[in-house]
Structures are given as C-alpha cells and as structure tokens.
C-alpha cells in the first residue's frame, strides 16, 4: 500500500520471530504475509525454527528452504 506496488514476487529475509517475546506474533505475521501473496518466501535463519516450520506448513507453494551458499536468481 505504501509503495503502490500491487504484486510482491518474493519475500527474502529474516523475520526475527524467535524467542518468547516474538513467538506469539508468528500466526499474525504469517497471516499478513499470506495476504500479500508472494510467489516465493525465503526466510532467513533469524526467522526462527518455529516460524520457519509454520511458513513451510502454511505457504508450501511459496516456501523455499535455503542454506549457506544458496544462490537466488529472479529474472
């Protein structure tokens, strides 16, 4: 809404949803991300294990697991 961009192709990065303070907002965060509807979701390591598992479960068509050395190319 802020940028005027109507379609987000990919979300790449960490969500910082680990630990007792942030884990309660995992469902809402994933819900908001799902509403945006990116075709690809690539969470960073700092997203946290619980949030990463929920992303994979709730957005299986978009979720992409990466590791050290993964290269992404969006063309």
C-alpha atoms as a PDB file:
ATOM      1  CA  UNK A   1       0.000   0.000   0.000  1.00  0.00           C
ATOM      2  CA  UNK A   2       2.755   2.433   0.841  1.00  0.00           C
ATOM      3  CA  UNK A   3       4.748   1.873  -2.331  1.00  0.00           C
ATOM      4  CA  UNK A   4       1.903   1.468  -4.769  1.00  0.00           C
ATOM      5  CA  UNK A   5       3.300  -1.892  -5.840  1.00  0.00           C
ATOM      6  CA  UNK A   6       0.405  -4.296  -6.278  1.00  0.00           C
ATOM      7  CA  UNK A   7       2.321  -7.549  -6.670  1.00  0.00           C
ATOM      8  CA  UNK A   8       5.177  -8.769  -4.499  1.00  0.00           C
ATOM      9  CA  UNK A   9       7.026 -11.572  -6.251  1.00  0.00           C
ATOM     10  CA  UNK A  10       9.324 -12.623  -3.414  1.00  0.00           C
ATOM     11  CA  UNK A  11       9.936 -12.067   0.258  1.00  0.00           C
ATOM     12  CA  UNK A  12      13.563 -12.777   1.131  1.00  0.00           C
ATOM     13  CA  UNK A  13      14.952 -12.158   4.584  1.00  0.00           C
ATOM     14  CA  UNK A  14      14.728 -12.788   8.269  1.00  0.00           C
ATOM     15  CA  UNK A  15      11.610 -12.125  10.306  1.00  0.00           C
ATOM     16  CA  UNK A  16      13.232 -12.214  13.770  1.00  0.00           C
ATOM     17  CA  UNK A  17      10.411 -14.298  15.257  1.00  0.00           C
ATOM     18  CA  UNK A  18      12.413 -16.377  17.693  1.00  0.00           C
ATOM     19  CA  UNK A  19      12.107 -16.324  21.459  1.00  0.00           C
ATOM     20  CA  UNK A  20       9.259 -15.928  23.896  1.00  0.00           C
ATOM     21  CA  UNK A  21       8.664 -12.271  23.133  1.00  0.00           C
ATOM     22  CA  UNK A  22       8.172 -12.746  19.399  1.00  0.00           C
ATOM     23  CA  UNK A  23       6.765 -16.264  19.036  1.00  0.00           C
ATOM     24  CA  UNK A  24       3.230 -15.127  19.978  1.00  0.00           C
ATOM     25  CA  UNK A  25       3.080 -12.965  16.845  1.00  0.00           C
ATOM     26  CA  UNK A  26       4.025 -15.784  14.450  1.00  0.00           C
ATOM     27  CA  UNK A  27       0.411 -16.525  13.399  1.00  0.00           C
ATOM     28  CA  UNK A  28      -0.432 -12.896  12.669  1.00  0.00           C
ATOM     29  CA  UNK A  29       2.842 -12.289  10.841  1.00  0.00           C
ATOM     30  CA  UNK A  30       2.341 -15.326   8.609  1.00  0.00           C
ATOM     31  CA  UNK A  31      -1.270 -14.322   8.032  1.00  0.00           C
ATOM     32  CA  UNK A  32      -0.235 -10.852   6.903  1.00  0.00           C
ATOM     33  CA  UNK A  33       2.480 -12.284   4.677  1.00  0.00           C
ATOM     34  CA  UNK A  34      -0.004 -14.731   3.160  1.00  0.00           C
ATOM     35  CA  UNK A  35      -2.385 -11.836   2.473  1.00  0.00           C
ATOM     36  CA  UNK A  36       0.351 -10.099   0.474  1.00  0.00           C
ATOM     37  CA  UNK A  37       0.664 -13.318  -1.503  1.00  0.00           C
ATOM     38  CA  UNK A  38       4.290 -13.501  -2.604  1.00  0.00           C
ATOM     39  CA  UNK A  39       5.092 -16.281  -5.049  1.00  0.00           C
ATOM     40  CA  UNK A  40       8.348 -17.057  -3.232  1.00  0.00           C
ATOM     41  CA  UNK A  41       9.088 -16.858   0.508  1.00  0.00           C
ATOM     42  CA  UNK A  42      12.706 -17.313   1.584  1.00  0.00           C
ATOM     43  CA  UNK A  43      13.058 -16.849   5.344  1.00  0.00           C
ATOM     44  CA  UNK A  44      16.470 -16.101   6.785  1.00  0.00           C
ATOM     45  CA  UNK A  45      17.986 -18.036   9.681  1.00  0.00           C
ATOM     46  CA  UNK A  46      16.921 -15.369  12.182  1.00  0.00           C
ATOM     47  CA  UNK A  47      13.269 -16.078  11.420  1.00  0.00           C
ATOM     48  CA  UNK A  48      13.458 -18.856  13.995  1.00  0.00           C
ATOM     49  CA  UNK A  49      12.707 -22.557  13.850  1.00  0.00           C
ATOM     50  CA  UNK A  50       9.033 -22.375  14.861  1.00  0.00           C
ATOM     51  CA  UNK A  51       8.185 -19.583  12.429  1.00  0.00           C
ATOM     52  CA  UNK A  52      10.103 -21.276   9.620  1.00  0.00           C
ATOM     53  CA  UNK A  53       8.144 -24.503  10.143  1.00  0.00           C
ATOM     54  CA  UNK A  54       4.865 -22.595  10.142  1.00  0.00           C
ATOM     55  CA  UNK A  55       5.805 -20.778   6.941  1.00  0.00           C
ATOM     56  CA  UNK A  56       6.574 -24.110   5.290  1.00  0.00           C
ATOM     57  CA  UNK A  57       3.297 -25.579   6.538  1.00  0.00           C
ATOM     58  CA  UNK A  58       1.038 -22.653   5.684  1.00  0.00           C
ATOM     59  CA  UNK A  59       2.692 -21.459   2.467  1.00  0.00           C
ATOM     60  CA  UNK A  60       4.075 -24.671   0.931  1.00  0.00           C
ATOM     61  CA  UNK A  61       3.684 -23.427  -2.638  1.00  0.00           C
ATOM     62  CA  UNK A  62       5.835 -20.368  -1.899  1.00  0.00           C
ATOM     63  CA  UNK A  63       8.265 -21.595   0.767  1.00  0.00           C
ATOM     64  CA  UNK A  64      11.879 -22.111  -0.253  1.00  0.00           C
ATOM     65  CA  UNK A  65      14.387 -23.588   2.200  1.00  0.00           C
ATOM     66  CA  UNK A  66      17.892 -22.244   1.816  1.00  0.00           C
ATOM     67  CA  UNK A  67      21.258 -22.791   3.445  1.00  0.00           C
ATOM     68  CA  UNK A  68      24.730 -21.316   3.321  1.00  0.00           C
ATOM     69  CA  UNK A  69      25.758 -20.832  -0.283  1.00  0.00           C
ATOM     70  CA  UNK A  70      22.254 -20.820  -1.733  1.00  0.00           C
ATOM     71  CA  UNK A  71      22.025 -18.527  -4.721  1.00  0.00           C
ATOM     72  CA  UNK A  72      18.764 -16.964  -5.736  1.00  0.00           C
ATOM     73  CA  UNK A  73      18.093 -15.622  -9.177  1.00  0.00           C
ATOM     74  CA  UNK A  74      14.942 -13.747 -10.003  1.00  0.00           C
ATOM     75  CA  UNK A  75      14.625 -12.841 -13.639  1.00  0.00           C
END
